[in-house]
Amino acid sequence: MTPEAKVKRKVRLILDALGIYNFMPPANGYGRAGIPDIVGCYNGRFIAIECKAGKGTLTELQKRELERIKDACGLAYVINESNVDQLKELITNETDSRG
């Protein structure tokens, strides 16, 4: 399993434990380029998560997609090995404080 696949697996386990509807859109050339690795919905909020590992950085297209999601009042995160354990807190704090 690649380091990024390990991050994705841990993210999915956290989302599933919280009861968050989520899925991984296929990156097979038929979908939209730059979309996040994992998308979902929790407490009425759209959630997008781009997973990275090591020194992995966002492409300009990924940055643009995450900004578009934020502009539409969705939640967008870049998660890696160093912050994956904070994901539950990030999501619950932002969805619980929604007004």
Protein backbone atom coordinates (compact mmCIF):
# COMPACT_ATOMS: atom_id res chain seq x y z
CA MET A 1 0.00 0.00 0.00
CA THR A 2 1.40 3.41 -0.97
CA PRO A 3 1.81 6.13 1.67
CA GLU A 4 -1.04 8.11 0.09
CA ALA A 5 -3.27 5.02 0.06
CA LYS A 6 -2.60 4.66 3.80
CA VAL A 7 -3.75 8.26 4.36
CA LYS A 8 -6.88 7.64 2.28
CA ARG A 9 -7.64 4.48 4.23
CA LYS A 10 -7.30 6.26 7.57
CA VAL A 11 -9.49 9.15 6.35
CA ARG A 12 -12.20 6.72 5.23
CA LEU A 13 -12.10 4.93 8.60
CA ILE A 14 -12.56 8.26 10.41
CA LEU A 15 -15.44 9.30 8.14
CA ASP A 16 -17.13 5.92 8.49
CA ALA A 17 -16.77 6.03 12.30
CA LEU A 18 -18.51 9.41 12.30
CA GLY A 19 -21.31 8.09 10.08
CA ILE A 20 -20.37 10.48 7.27
CA TYR A 21 -21.65 9.59 3.82
CA ASN A 22 -18.54 9.46 1.62
CA PHE A 23 -17.09 8.01 -1.54
CA MET A 24 -14.02 8.21 -3.73
CA PRO A 25 -14.81 9.48 -7.24
CA PRO A 26 -13.00 7.39 -9.85
CA ALA A 27 -10.00 9.04 -11.47
CA ASN A 28 -10.33 7.22 -14.77
CA GLY A 29 -10.33 9.99 -17.35
CA TYR A 30 -14.13 10.14 -17.62
CA GLY A 31 -14.68 12.44 -14.65
CA ARG A 32 -13.69 15.98 -13.89
CA ALA A 33 -9.96 16.69 -13.50
CA GLY A 34 -8.71 17.97 -10.15
CA ILE A 35 -11.60 16.72 -8.05
CA PRO A 36 -10.73 15.75 -4.46
CA ASP A 37 -9.91 12.15 -3.54
CA ILE A 38 -12.84 11.76 -1.15
CA VAL A 39 -16.17 13.59 -1.07
CA GLY A 40 -19.03 13.31 1.36
CA CYS A 41 -21.80 14.98 3.30
CA TYR A 42 -22.21 15.46 7.05
CA ASN A 43 -24.85 17.47 8.90
CA GLY A 44 -25.90 19.02 5.61
CA ARG A 45 -22.39 20.16 4.65
CA PHE A 46 -20.52 19.05 1.55
CA ILE A 47 -17.06 17.77 2.46
CA ALA A 48 -14.09 17.39 0.11
CA ILE A 49 -10.78 15.86 1.11
CA GLU A 50 -7.58 15.79 -0.91
CA CYS A 51 -5.13 13.25 0.49
CA LYS A 52 -1.38 13.70 0.22
CA ALA A 53 1.63 11.86 1.57
CA GLY A 54 5.23 12.77 2.14
CA LYS A 55 6.12 15.94 0.30
CA GLY A 56 3.10 15.68 -1.98
CA THR A 57 1.74 19.08 -2.94
CA LEU A 58 -1.46 20.27 -4.55
CA THR A 59 -1.56 20.93 -8.26
CA GLU A 60 -2.94 24.27 -9.41
CA LEU A 61 -6.06 22.44 -10.63
CA GLN A 62 -6.57 20.82 -7.22
CA LYS A 63 -6.12 24.18 -5.50
CA ARG A 64 -8.71 25.73 -7.79
CA GLU A 65 -11.24 22.94 -7.16
CA LEU A 66 -10.83 23.16 -3.37
CA GLU A 67 -11.29 26.95 -3.51
CA ARG A 68 -14.45 26.55 -5.61
CA ILE A 69 -15.83 24.17 -2.99
CA LYS A 70 -15.04 26.64 -0.19
CA ASP A 71 -16.61 29.47 -2.21
CA ALA A 72 -19.80 27.38 -2.38
CA CYS A 73 -19.74 27.04 1.46
CA GLY A 74 -18.47 23.46 1.37
CA LEU A 75 -15.71 22.16 3.61
CA ALA A 76 -12.41 21.38 1.88
CA TYR A 77 -9.36 19.84 3.50
CA VAL A 78 -5.88 18.72 2.52
CA ILE A 79 -5.04 15.78 4.74
CA ASN A 80 -1.67 14.05 5.12
CA GLU A 81 0.13 11.89 7.66
CA SER A 82 0.79 14.84 9.97
CA ASN A 83 -2.81 16.08 10.30
CA VAL A 84 -5.00 13.03 9.66
CA ASP A 85 -5.56 12.52 13.38
CA GLN A 86 -7.08 16.03 13.58
CA LEU A 87 -9.67 15.34 10.85
CA LYS A 88 -12.47 14.29 13.21
CA GLU A 89 -12.07 17.48 15.24
CA LEU A 90 -11.89 19.67 12.14
CA ILE A 91 -15.08 18.27 10.65
CA THR A 92 -17.13 18.14 13.83
CA ASN A 93 -16.13 21.66 14.88
CA GLU A 94 -17.05 23.15 11.52
CA THR A 95 -20.32 21.25 11.06
CA ASP A 96 -21.49 21.73 14.66
CA SER A 97 -20.90 25.51 14.54
CA ARG A 98 -22.91 26.01 11.37
CA GLY A 99 -25.50 28.72 11.65
